[in-house]
Protein backbone atom coordinates (compact mmCIF):
# COMPACT_ATOMS: atom_id res chain seq x y z
CA MET A 1 0.00 0.00 0.00
CA ILE A 2 2.79 2.41 0.91
CA GLY A 3 4.61 3.74 -2.20
CA LYS A 4 8.24 2.63 -2.29
CA THR A 5 9.26 6.01 -3.65
CA HIS A 6 8.20 7.69 -0.44
CA ARG A 7 9.31 5.34 2.32
CA SER A 8 12.22 7.69 3.00
CA PHE A 9 9.81 10.30 4.37
CA ALA A 10 8.78 8.04 7.20
CA VAL A 11 12.44 7.64 8.10
CA SER A 12 13.25 11.33 7.69
CA LEU A 13 10.49 12.49 10.00
CA ALA A 14 11.33 12.68 13.69
CA THR A 15 10.23 9.43 15.24
CA GLY A 16 7.16 9.56 17.41
CA ALA A 17 8.00 6.42 19.35
CA ALA A 18 9.10 8.16 22.56
CA LEU A 19 6.12 10.50 22.47
CA LEU A 20 3.84 7.58 21.79
CA GLY A 21 4.95 5.68 24.86
CA ALA A 22 4.60 8.67 27.14
CA VAL A 23 1.24 9.78 25.83
CA ALA A 24 -0.22 6.28 25.66
CA ALA A 25 0.69 5.75 29.31
CA ALA A 26 -0.99 8.94 30.47
CA GLU A 27 -4.62 8.82 31.56
CA ALA A 28 -7.24 11.06 29.97
CA GLN A 29 -7.64 14.31 31.87
CA ASP A 30 -11.14 14.89 30.58
CA ALA A 31 -13.75 12.23 31.29
CA LYS A 32 -15.26 12.87 27.85
CA LEU A 33 -12.03 11.95 26.08
CA ALA A 34 -11.26 8.37 25.12
CA PRO A 35 -7.94 6.99 26.39
CA VAL A 36 -4.99 7.40 24.01
CA PRO A 37 -4.77 4.16 21.99
CA GLU A 38 -1.56 2.22 22.32
CA MET A 39 0.27 1.34 19.10
CA SER A 40 3.30 -0.71 18.19
CA LYS A 41 6.26 1.14 16.73
CA GLU A 42 5.66 -0.56 13.36
CA ALA A 43 1.96 0.38 13.25
CA PHE A 44 2.77 3.96 14.25
CA GLU A 45 5.39 4.37 11.52
CA GLU A 46 3.16 2.87 8.83
CA SER A 47 0.25 5.07 9.90
CA LYS A 48 2.51 8.13 9.91
CA THR A 49 3.36 7.50 6.27
CA LEU A 50 -0.26 6.77 5.35
CA TYR A 51 -1.34 9.98 7.04
CA PHE A 52 1.21 11.94 5.04
CA GLN A 53 0.17 10.30 1.78
CA ARG A 54 -3.59 10.46 2.20
CA CYS A 55 -4.53 12.99 4.89
CA ALA A 56 -1.94 15.75 5.40
CA GLY A 57 -2.95 17.67 2.30
CA CYS A 58 -6.30 18.64 3.81
CA HIS A 59 -5.67 18.32 7.55
CA GLY A 60 -2.06 19.57 7.74
CA VAL A 61 1.22 17.89 8.68
CA LEU A 62 0.73 19.10 12.28
CA ARG A 63 -2.99 18.16 12.03
CA LYS A 64 -4.24 21.65 12.81
CA GLY A 65 -6.68 21.56 9.90
CA ALA A 66 -7.29 23.72 6.82
CA THR A 67 -9.54 22.40 4.05
CA GLY A 68 -10.24 19.49 6.40
CA LYS A 69 -10.97 19.70 10.10
CA SER A 70 -8.38 19.75 12.87
CA LEU A 71 -7.28 16.26 13.85
CA LEU A 72 -5.50 17.12 17.07
CA PRO A 73 -5.94 14.54 19.85
CA ASP A 74 -8.34 16.72 21.86
CA GLU A 75 -10.77 16.62 18.91
CA THR A 76 -10.22 13.07 17.70
CA ARG A 77 -10.45 11.50 21.15
CA LYS A 78 -13.88 13.05 21.60
CA LEU A 79 -15.02 11.07 18.57
CA GLY A 80 -13.38 7.85 19.69
CA GLN A 81 -12.00 4.86 17.84
CA LYS A 82 -15.19 3.43 16.31
CA ARG A 83 -16.47 6.76 15.02
CA LEU A 84 -13.10 7.65 13.49
CA GLU A 85 -12.88 4.27 11.76
CA LYS A 86 -16.36 4.80 10.29
CA ILE A 87 -15.46 8.25 8.95
CA ILE A 88 -12.24 6.97 7.35
CA THR A 89 -14.08 3.99 5.89
CA LEU A 90 -17.14 5.71 4.44
CA GLY A 91 -16.07 9.33 3.97
CA THR A 92 -18.41 12.27 4.51
CA GLU A 93 -20.88 14.35 2.53
CA GLY A 94 -18.63 17.34 3.20
CA GLY A 95 -16.10 16.21 0.61
CA MET A 96 -13.94 13.58 2.30
CA ASN A 97 -13.44 10.46 0.21
CA ASN A 98 -14.19 6.96 1.43
CA PHE A 99 -11.05 4.88 1.99
CA ASP A 100 -12.55 1.40 2.29
CA ASP A 101 -11.47 0.65 -1.28
CA ILE A 102 -7.89 1.85 -0.69
CA LEU A 103 -6.91 0.89 2.85
CA THR A 104 -7.23 -2.45 4.61
CA LYS A 105 -9.31 -2.76 7.78
CA ASP A 106 -6.13 -2.97 9.84
CA GLN A 107 -4.74 0.16 8.22
CA ILE A 108 -7.98 2.03 8.92
CA THR A 109 -7.93 0.87 12.55
CA ASN A 110 -4.31 1.94 12.97
CA LEU A 111 -4.85 5.28 11.25
CA ALA A 112 -7.79 6.04 13.57
CA SER A 113 -5.51 5.23 16.52
CA TYR A 114 -2.65 7.28 15.11
CA ILE A 115 -4.67 10.51 14.88
CA GLN A 116 -5.59 10.17 18.56
CA ASN A 117 -1.88 10.31 19.43
CA GLU A 118 0.22 13.47 19.45
CA PRO A 119 1.47 14.37 15.93
CA PRO A 120 5.24 14.00 15.44
CA VAL A 121 6.94 17.18 14.27
CA PRO A 122 8.89 16.69 11.01
CA PRO A 123 12.39 18.14 10.52
CA GLU A 124 13.40 21.33 8.77
CA MET A 125 15.31 21.45 5.45
CA SER A 126 18.19 23.84 4.75
CA LEU A 127 19.44 25.20 1.44
CA ALA A 128 22.57 23.09 1.85
CA MET A 129 20.46 19.94 2.21
CA MET A 130 18.58 20.82 -0.97
CA LYS A 131 21.81 21.25 -2.90
CA GLU A 132 22.96 17.82 -1.75
CA ARG A 133 19.74 16.32 -3.15
CA ARG A 134 20.18 17.75 -6.65
CA LYS A 135 20.82 15.40 -9.57
CA VAL A 136 21.61 16.23 -13.21
CA TYR A 137 20.89 13.44 -15.69
CA VAL A 138 21.54 15.36 -18.91
CA ASP A 139 24.01 18.24 -18.95
CA PRO A 140 22.38 21.42 -20.37
CA LYS A 141 25.17 21.71 -22.94
CA ASP A 142 23.96 18.40 -24.40
CA TYR A 143 20.35 19.49 -24.88
CA PRO A 144 19.18 19.10 -28.51
CA ASP A 145 18.43 22.18 -30.60
CA LYS A 146 15.35 20.58 -32.17
CA PRO A 147 12.90 17.78 -31.24
CA LEU A 148 14.50 14.36 -31.69
CA HIS A 149 11.32 12.27 -31.98
CA GLY A 150 9.48 13.93 -34.89
CA ARG A 151 6.16 14.16 -32.99
CA ASN A 152 3.77 17.08 -32.51
CA TRP A 153 5.01 17.83 -28.99
CA GLU A 154 2.78 20.89 -28.61
CA ASN A 155 -0.21 18.55 -28.43
CA PHE A 156 1.44 16.23 -25.91
CA PHE A 157 -0.38 15.56 -22.66
CA LEU A 158 1.63 15.14 -19.46
CA VAL A 159 -0.34 12.79 -17.22
CA ILE A 160 0.27 12.28 -13.50
CA GLU A 161 0.69 8.62 -12.54
CA ARG A 162 0.22 9.38 -8.90
CA ASP A 163 1.29 6.45 -6.74
CA VAL A 164 4.14 5.11 -8.88
CA GLY A 165 5.98 8.43 -8.92
CA LYS A 166 5.88 8.99 -12.67
CA VAL A 167 4.45 11.26 -15.34
CA ALA A 168 3.28 9.69 -18.58
CA ILE A 169 3.87 11.53 -21.85
CA VAL A 170 0.96 10.90 -24.21
CA ASP A 171 0.84 11.87 -27.90
CA GLY A 172 -2.38 13.85 -28.26
CA ASP A 173 -2.57 13.30 -32.02
CA LYS A 174 -2.03 9.53 -31.97
CA HIS A 175 -3.55 8.79 -28.53
CA GLU A 176 -0.59 6.70 -27.48
CA VAL A 177 1.65 6.63 -24.41
CA ILE A 178 5.26 7.28 -25.42
CA ALA A 179 7.03 7.55 -22.04
CA HIS A 180 6.73 7.06 -18.28
CA VAL A 181 9.09 9.65 -16.79
CA PRO A 182 10.29 9.06 -13.19
CA THR A 183 9.42 11.99 -10.90
CA GLY A 184 8.64 12.59 -7.25
CA TYR A 185 5.97 10.65 -5.40
CA ALA A 186 2.34 11.64 -6.05
CA VAL A 187 2.97 14.58 -8.38
CA HIS A 188 0.39 17.24 -7.69
CA VAL A 189 1.05 19.81 -10.40
CA LEU A 190 3.12 20.24 -13.56
CA LYS A 191 3.92 23.54 -15.23
CA GLY A 192 5.87 24.44 -18.32
CA THR A 193 7.71 27.45 -19.68
CA GLU A 194 4.92 29.83 -20.66
CA HIS A 195 4.16 32.37 -23.33
CA HIS A 196 4.81 35.60 -21.42
CA LYS A 197 3.86 39.16 -22.31
CA LYS A 198 6.98 40.85 -20.93
CA ASP A 199 9.68 38.19 -20.48
CA LYS A 200 9.95 36.19 -23.68
CA THR A 201 10.99 32.55 -23.43
CA ALA A 202 12.78 30.90 -26.34
CA THR A 203 10.35 27.99 -26.71
CA PRO A 204 7.18 28.05 -24.59
CA GLY A 205 6.19 24.55 -23.52
CA ARG A 206 9.45 22.73 -24.19
CA PHE A 207 10.55 22.35 -20.56
CA TRP A 208 8.18 21.12 -17.86
CA TYR A 209 8.64 20.97 -14.11
CA THR A 210 6.80 18.61 -11.78
CA MET A 211 6.30 18.88 -8.02
CA GLY A 212 5.85 15.67 -6.04
CA ARG A 213 4.26 15.34 -2.66
CA ASP A 214 7.75 14.45 -1.42
CA GLY A 215 9.02 17.90 -2.44
CA LYS A 216 10.97 16.61 -5.43
CA LEU A 217 11.15 19.00 -8.39
CA THR A 218 11.79 17.24 -11.69
CA LYS A 219 12.73 18.91 -14.99
CA ILE A 220 11.41 17.32 -18.20
CA ASP A 221 12.61 18.14 -21.72
CA LEU A 222 9.97 17.25 -24.31
CA TRP A 223 12.47 17.50 -27.17
CA GLN A 224 14.46 14.52 -25.91
CA MET A 225 13.84 10.92 -26.82
CA PRO A 226 11.53 9.29 -24.24
CA GLU A 227 14.30 7.57 -22.28
CA ASN A 228 16.11 10.90 -21.72
CA MET A 229 13.20 13.24 -20.97
CA ARG A 230 14.04 13.47 -17.26
CA VAL A 231 17.03 15.81 -17.31
CA ALA A 232 17.41 16.99 -13.68
CA GLU A 233 15.80 16.99 -10.23
CA VAL A 234 16.13 18.49 -6.75
CA GLN A 235 14.25 18.03 -3.48
CA VAL A 236 13.15 21.33 -1.90
CA ALA A 237 10.75 20.11 0.83
CA TYR A 238 9.39 16.97 2.49
CA ASP A 239 5.78 17.78 1.59
CA ALA A 240 4.89 20.05 -1.31
CA ARG A 241 2.22 20.86 -3.87
CA ASP A 242 3.04 23.37 -6.58
CA VAL A 243 5.62 24.74 -8.99
CA ALA A 244 5.88 27.55 -11.54
CA VAL A 245 8.40 28.88 -14.08
CA SER A 246 9.44 32.51 -14.43
CA GLY A 247 8.36 34.32 -17.55
CA ASP A 248 11.91 34.41 -18.87
CA GLY A 249 12.37 30.70 -18.14
CA LYS A 250 15.40 31.31 -15.89
CA TYR A 251 13.88 30.35 -12.55
CA VAL A 252 11.56 27.76 -11.08
CA ILE A 253 9.69 28.29 -7.83
CA GLY A 254 8.53 25.44 -5.61
CA GLY A 255 6.06 25.84 -2.76
CA GLY A 256 6.43 23.74 0.38
CA TYR A 257 3.81 22.44 2.76
CA TRP A 258 6.59 21.30 5.11
CA PRO A 259 8.76 23.10 5.77
CA PRO A 260 6.40 26.00 5.05
CA HIS A 261 8.49 27.97 2.59
CA PHE A 262 9.07 28.64 -1.07
CA VAL A 263 12.30 27.97 -2.91
CA ILE A 264 13.59 29.63 -6.08
CA VAL A 265 15.70 27.30 -8.23
CA ARG A 266 17.88 28.07 -11.26
CA SER A 267 16.03 26.31 -14.07
CA GLU A 268 19.06 25.47 -16.22
CA ASP A 269 20.59 22.99 -13.78
CA MET A 270 18.03 22.94 -10.90
CA MET A 271 20.40 24.56 -8.40
CA PRO A 272 18.49 25.98 -5.36
CA MET A 273 19.15 29.71 -5.05
CA LYS A 274 16.79 31.24 -2.49
CA VAL A 275 14.60 30.02 0.38
CA VAL A 276 11.89 32.19 1.96
CA SER A 277 9.84 31.05 4.97
CA THR A 278 6.09 31.70 4.95
CA ARG A 279 5.65 31.40 8.72
CA GLY A 280 4.19 34.58 10.15
CA VAL A 281 1.17 36.48 11.43
CA ASN A 282 -2.13 35.76 9.69
CA VAL A 283 -4.96 38.10 8.75
CA ASP A 284 -6.46 37.60 12.24
CA GLY A 285 -3.24 38.70 13.96
CA ASP A 286 -2.19 35.22 15.12
CA TYR A 287 1.27 33.72 14.60
CA VAL A 288 1.15 30.61 12.39
CA LYS A 289 3.96 28.05 12.39
CA GLU A 290 2.51 25.92 9.59
CA SER A 291 1.62 28.44 6.91
CA ARG A 292 1.81 26.22 3.86
CA VAL A 293 2.38 27.26 0.25
CA ALA A 294 -0.48 25.68 -1.64
CA ALA A 295 -0.14 27.43 -5.00
CA VAL A 296 2.55 29.27 -6.95
CA TYR A 297 2.10 30.84 -10.36
CA THR A 298 4.01 33.04 -12.75
CA THR A 299 2.16 36.24 -13.64
CA PRO A 300 1.61 36.38 -17.44
CA ASN A 301 2.11 40.15 -17.66
CA GLU A 302 4.64 40.90 -14.90
CA SER A 303 8.13 39.74 -13.89
CA SER A 304 6.86 38.12 -10.74
CA PHE A 305 5.53 35.00 -9.05
CA LEU A 306 2.33 34.73 -7.03
CA VAL A 307 2.65 32.70 -3.84
CA SER A 308 -0.31 31.69 -1.67
CA ALA A 309 0.45 31.61 2.05
CA LYS A 310 -2.45 29.30 2.81
CA GLU A 311 -2.95 29.64 6.56
CA LEU A 312 -1.87 33.31 6.68
CA GLY A 313 -4.64 34.27 4.30
CA GLN A 314 -2.20 36.25 2.19
CA MET A 315 -1.16 36.32 -1.44
CA TRP A 316 2.48 37.27 -1.92
CA GLN A 317 3.70 38.74 -5.19
CA VAL A 318 7.43 38.11 -5.58
CA ASP A 319 9.64 40.03 -8.03
CA TYR A 320 12.14 37.51 -9.46
CA THR A 321 14.37 40.02 -11.26
CA ASP A 322 16.77 40.46 -8.29
CA LEU A 323 17.07 37.49 -5.94
CA ASP A 324 19.59 39.26 -3.68
CA ASN A 325 17.18 42.13 -3.07
CA LEU A 326 13.92 40.22 -3.18
CA ARG A 327 10.83 42.42 -3.36
CA ILE A 328 7.68 40.84 -1.92
CA THR A 329 4.25 42.46 -1.70
CA GLN A 330 2.00 40.81 0.90
CA MET A 331 -1.71 41.12 0.17
CA ASN A 332 -4.25 40.33 2.90
CA THR A 333 -7.09 38.24 1.46
CA ALA A 334 -8.75 35.24 3.17
CA LYS A 335 -7.42 32.13 4.90
CA PHE A 336 -6.92 28.69 3.40
CA LEU A 337 -5.87 29.72 -0.10
CA HIS A 338 -5.55 26.73 -2.41
CA ASP A 339 -5.85 26.42 -6.23
CA GLY A 340 -6.39 29.22 -8.73
CA PHE A 341 -6.23 30.45 -12.32
CA PHE A 342 -5.92 33.68 -14.28
CA ASP A 343 -8.67 35.48 -16.18
CA PRO A 344 -8.26 35.55 -20.00
CA THR A 345 -6.30 38.83 -19.90
CA GLY A 346 -3.68 37.38 -17.55
CA ARG A 347 -4.10 40.34 -15.20
CA TYR A 348 -6.42 38.98 -12.52
CA PHE A 349 -5.66 35.87 -10.51
CA GLN A 350 -8.69 33.98 -9.21
CA ILE A 351 -7.92 31.64 -6.29
CA ALA A 352 -10.07 29.68 -3.86
CA ALA A 353 -9.85 30.38 -0.15
CA ASN A 354 -11.66 27.11 0.30
CA ALA A 355 -12.32 26.82 4.04
CA SER A 356 -13.40 30.49 3.95
CA ASN A 357 -15.92 29.68 1.18
CA LYS A 358 -14.61 32.49 -0.99
CA MET A 359 -12.90 33.15 -4.29
CA VAL A 360 -10.11 35.70 -3.94
CA ILE A 361 -9.24 38.07 -6.79
CA VAL A 362 -5.74 39.57 -7.04
CA ASP A 363 -4.70 42.29 -9.49
CA SER A 364 -1.22 41.17 -10.58
CA GLU A 365 -0.53 44.40 -12.51
CA ASP A 366 -1.30 46.73 -9.59
CA TRP A 367 0.03 44.19 -7.03
CA LYS A 368 -3.01 44.37 -4.78
CA ALA A 369 -6.02 42.39 -3.59
CA GLU A 370 -8.99 43.22 -5.80
CA ALA A 371 -12.07 41.44 -4.43
CA LEU A 372 -13.54 38.60 -2.36
CA ILE A 373 -16.48 36.63 -3.75
CA ASP A 374 -18.74 34.52 -1.52
CA VAL A 375 -19.38 31.24 -3.30
CA GLY A 376 -20.26 27.73 -2.03
CA LYS A 377 -18.80 25.39 0.55
CA LEU A 378 -15.08 24.77 0.03
CA PRO A 379 -14.53 26.04 -3.54
CA HIS A 380 -11.93 24.12 -5.55
CA PRO A 381 -11.51 25.20 -9.19
CA GLY A 382 -8.31 23.25 -9.82
CA SER A 383 -6.97 24.79 -13.03
CA GLY A 384 -10.28 26.58 -13.46
CA ALA A 385 -12.40 27.59 -16.42
CA ASN A 386 -13.10 30.88 -18.19
CA TRP A 387 -15.81 31.37 -20.82
CA VAL A 388 -18.27 33.97 -22.14
CA ASP A 389 -21.82 34.07 -20.83
CA ASP A 390 -24.56 35.73 -22.92
CA LYS A 391 -25.77 37.87 -20.00
CA CYS A 392 -22.71 38.39 -17.77
CA GLY A 393 -19.98 38.50 -20.40
CA PRO A 394 -16.62 36.89 -19.53
CA VAL A 395 -16.95 34.65 -16.48
CA GLY A 396 -14.97 32.18 -14.38
CA GLY A 397 -16.25 29.08 -12.61
CA THR A 398 -15.45 26.70 -9.78
CA THR A 399 -16.57 23.36 -8.41
CA HIS A 400 -16.72 22.78 -4.63
CA LEU A 401 -15.33 20.18 -2.26
CA GLY A 402 -18.17 20.58 0.21
CA GLU A 403 -21.27 20.56 -1.98
CA GLY A 404 -22.51 19.69 -5.44
CA LYS A 405 -22.47 23.13 -6.99
CA VAL A 406 -20.74 25.12 -9.73
CA ALA A 407 -20.48 28.85 -8.99
CA VAL A 408 -19.98 31.26 -11.92
CA TRP A 409 -18.88 34.91 -11.52
CA GLY A 410 -18.13 37.83 -13.83
CA ASN A 411 -14.42 38.53 -14.37
CA ASP A 412 -14.28 41.43 -16.83
CA PRO A 413 -14.14 44.72 -14.87
CA LYS A 414 -13.21 46.71 -17.98
CA GLY A 415 -15.99 45.58 -20.32
CA HIS A 416 -18.67 44.43 -17.85
CA ALA A 417 -18.09 46.48 -14.69
CA ASP A 418 -21.57 45.80 -13.29
CA GLN A 419 -21.00 42.04 -13.35
CA ALA A 420 -17.36 41.98 -12.27
CA TRP A 421 -16.51 39.93 -9.17
CA LYS A 422 -20.14 39.05 -8.50
CA VAL A 423 -21.79 35.64 -8.72
CA CYS A 424 -23.54 35.46 -12.07
CA TYR A 425 -25.32 32.15 -11.47
CA ASN A 426 -25.03 28.79 -9.69
CA VAL A 427 -25.67 25.31 -11.04
CA GLU A 428 -26.54 22.38 -8.80
CA SER A 429 -24.64 19.18 -9.61
CA ASP A 430 -24.88 15.64 -8.32
CA GLY A 431 -21.91 15.88 -5.99
CA PRO A 432 -18.78 17.75 -4.86
CA GLY A 433 -15.84 17.77 -7.23
CA LEU A 434 -12.25 18.81 -7.78
CA PHE A 435 -11.83 20.08 -11.33
CA ILE A 436 -13.60 22.14 -13.97
CA ARG A 437 -12.35 22.88 -17.50
CA THR A 438 -13.44 24.23 -20.87
CA HIS A 439 -12.01 25.49 -24.18
CA PRO A 440 -12.98 28.47 -26.37
CA ASN A 441 -13.86 26.07 -29.23
CA SER A 442 -16.23 23.96 -27.14
CA PRO A 443 -19.85 24.86 -26.29
CA TYR A 444 -19.50 23.05 -22.96
CA VAL A 445 -17.93 23.26 -19.54
CA VAL A 446 -17.06 19.87 -18.00
CA PHE A 447 -16.50 19.09 -14.30
CA ASP A 448 -15.94 16.03 -12.14
CA GLN A 449 -17.61 14.89 -8.90
CA THR A 450 -14.73 12.96 -7.39
CA LYS A 451 -15.27 14.05 -3.79
CA HIS A 452 -18.71 12.46 -3.42
CA PRO A 453 -18.54 9.32 -1.23
CA GLU A 454 -20.94 7.28 -3.41
CA PRO A 455 -19.22 5.36 -6.25
CA GLU A 456 -21.88 6.04 -8.89
CA VAL A 457 -21.41 9.80 -8.42
CA GLN A 458 -17.59 9.60 -8.19
CA GLN A 459 -17.54 7.76 -11.49
CA ALA A 460 -19.43 10.39 -13.48
CA VAL A 461 -18.60 13.80 -14.94
CA GLN A 462 -21.20 16.38 -15.88
CA VAL A 463 -21.45 18.70 -18.86
CA LEU A 464 -22.73 22.28 -18.59
CA ASP A 465 -24.00 24.11 -21.67
CA LYS A 466 -22.50 27.61 -21.83
CA LYS A 467 -25.58 29.12 -23.46
CA THR A 468 -28.45 27.47 -21.56
CA ARG A 469 -26.59 27.31 -18.22
CA GLU A 470 -27.97 23.82 -17.76
CA ILE A 471 -26.38 20.42 -17.26
CA VAL A 472 -27.08 18.63 -20.52
CA LYS A 473 -25.24 15.36 -20.04
CA THR A 474 -23.81 13.07 -17.40
CA LEU A 475 -20.97 10.94 -18.74
CA VAL A 476 -19.85 7.76 -16.99
CA PRO A 477 -16.27 6.87 -18.01
CA THR A 478 -16.14 3.90 -15.63
CA GLU A 479 -18.34 1.67 -13.50
CA ASP A 480 -15.53 -0.58 -12.27
CA GLU A 481 -15.21 -1.07 -8.52
CA GLY A 482 -12.48 1.07 -6.94
CA LYS A 483 -12.23 3.45 -9.90
CA VAL A 484 -13.36 7.06 -10.16
CA ALA A 485 -13.50 9.70 -12.88
CA VAL A 486 -11.29 12.72 -12.24
CA HIS A 487 -9.84 15.76 -14.00
CA ILE A 488 -10.75 17.05 -17.44
CA GLU A 489 -8.37 18.46 -20.04
CA PHE A 490 -8.98 19.59 -23.62
CA ASN A 491 -6.60 19.00 -26.51
CA LYS A 492 -4.89 21.83 -28.37
CA ASP A 493 -7.71 22.71 -30.79
CA GLY A 494 -10.52 21.97 -28.33
CA SER A 495 -12.02 19.17 -30.39
CA GLU A 496 -11.57 16.62 -27.58
CA PHE A 497 -11.61 16.48 -23.81
CA TRP A 498 -9.91 13.76 -21.82
CA VAL A 499 -11.11 12.28 -18.52
CA SER A 500 -8.92 10.16 -16.24
CA VAL A 501 -10.15 6.86 -14.83
CA TRP A 502 -8.25 6.77 -11.57
CA ASN A 503 -7.81 3.31 -10.08
CA ARG A 504 -7.84 4.15 -6.36
CA LYS A 505 -7.98 0.50 -5.30
CA ASP A 506 -4.89 -0.88 -7.00
CA SER A 507 -2.80 1.99 -8.28
CA LEU A 508 0.51 0.18 -8.69
CA LYS A 509 -0.61 -1.76 -11.77
CA PRO A 510 -1.10 -0.31 -15.28
CA ASN A 511 -4.89 -0.62 -15.22
CA GLY A 512 -5.95 3.01 -15.23
CA GLU A 513 -6.99 4.69 -18.46
CA ILE A 514 -7.99 7.95 -20.10
CA VAL A 515 -11.32 8.26 -21.90
CA VAL A 516 -11.33 10.65 -24.87
CA TYR A 517 -14.61 12.39 -25.76
CA ASP A 518 -15.61 14.49 -28.74
CA SER A 519 -16.12 17.97 -27.28
CA LYS A 520 -19.16 18.77 -29.45
CA THR A 521 -21.02 15.48 -29.79
CA LEU A 522 -19.96 14.26 -26.30
CA LYS A 523 -19.46 10.77 -27.70
CA GLU A 524 -16.60 8.56 -26.59
CA LYS A 525 -13.81 8.36 -29.17
CA LYS A 526 -10.99 6.39 -27.60
CA ARG A 527 -9.64 4.72 -24.46
CA ILE A 528 -5.93 5.18 -23.80
CA LYS A 529 -4.69 2.31 -21.67
CA GLY A 530 -1.38 1.28 -20.10
CA LEU A 531 -1.45 4.00 -17.43
CA PHE A 532 -0.80 3.76 -13.68
CA ALA A 533 -3.55 5.52 -11.69
CA PRO A 534 -3.75 8.56 -14.00
CA THR A 535 -5.09 11.72 -12.37
CA GLY A 536 -4.21 15.23 -13.62
CA LYS A 537 -3.44 15.89 -17.30
CA PHE A 538 -1.80 18.94 -18.82
CA ASN A 539 -1.93 19.78 -22.53
CA VAL A 540 1.29 21.48 -23.58
CA TYR A 541 -0.13 24.17 -25.85
CA ASN A 542 -3.19 25.07 -23.79
CA ARG A 543 -1.31 25.32 -20.51
CA THR A 544 1.63 27.33 -21.79
CA HIS A 545 -0.54 29.72 -23.84
CA HIS A 546 -3.14 30.28 -21.09
CA VAL A 547 -6.01 28.62 -22.94
CA THR A 548 -8.80 27.94 -20.45
């Protein structure tokens, strides 16, 4: 069950064995609290790794909560062992997945016991440690000056193969897998060199950078032959989520969940250059030790990065033109910032403050917070979607982790000032989801419902008509036990959208697949097989040219 690529994390974290013995021996001070469950050292260590892999993203490494609730012992012991096991097994309507098809009964029992014990505090990571963990597989001087494989690389899809620590490269024209590139464990996001208004890159989309949950940044060169596409890597954290590339292509930024910091890396050879902690005082005036970096983005029109300090409730805009005299503008917004996307102009960044139930709007040209929009419970747009509505003009949309709803707001303050940063309309869906996408050449917006605990809802995606504002189709890519439908991505010209069939039950075998649909007729065209638990997909052209 535990991925081999990430066993080192369990070793690298400070052992909780001594704490465990002391806490387990102590009697409950409050009669309402269950006694602290005793655990063997082996069960504790396995549960620590499982918690990191499956739970820390929502509940925090220190278990203080964010998108998910706090799981500190004072809260979990009130619920008790049986109740905790039931929640882990079945999930909740509030957006937590069921784990009965992933974890064994013993693992669920041990995990419920683990979260009633004090959380072990993981170690820090210095710049020197990062430099020691850098590897170069292909020297930059040996990079080719043209693609070596003769394929249409601009219509490649990079597909996350979550639990095997790889990214698949799929030819979007031929619908065939051409490579499985080793990366960090459980890659969360990939980003490539982008088309930038101010800082021109030589070849937008050629180089891609992945961020694994284990904090490993991997550089991929799409011009290489498949066996040489991984050209360099460096570990910049123990737990991480996001990555971005500067507009000029010279720097890569990685955001850490633990330690809570961001790191700027020289893109050519992946040498770490600058580390900045995001610990600090939040918008409520409280000091936060675990202020995680959930999202980092390059600004399409400025020489800067955007960094979300999740628990601080701040967006930081970081000027990358002078690393020795780093200029950072801290914008107070709302707590629990997560995923976001730019409006079509590239000026306004739209990011979910999910546990605050808001979308936050940042003006990247004026370097200031622009607006807060009240939406539904736990908004989660993923890579987001922009389109044009007949009444409201240009709009953006998000799904929600906590309810089955798509919220749509106006995002054109110049041409439609009366509609800007206001909810235009809401659409009720069958269940909570993670991702929503569209393309200018498609009449539809497509979103998943992966966070619903019932399999028949998890396994379906829904299609929203841009003109009628109604759900016109529910597509079911899979009905196989243990599999869910997740993440939508369009191809370069918008004629197709791809949906991942994620095999949650047995992710270490190549039995996941991608279902390709015609974006106008909504009919299935192809099934791309030979994939290991595919989740997120990123089309080279659309992502690097800001096509949403």
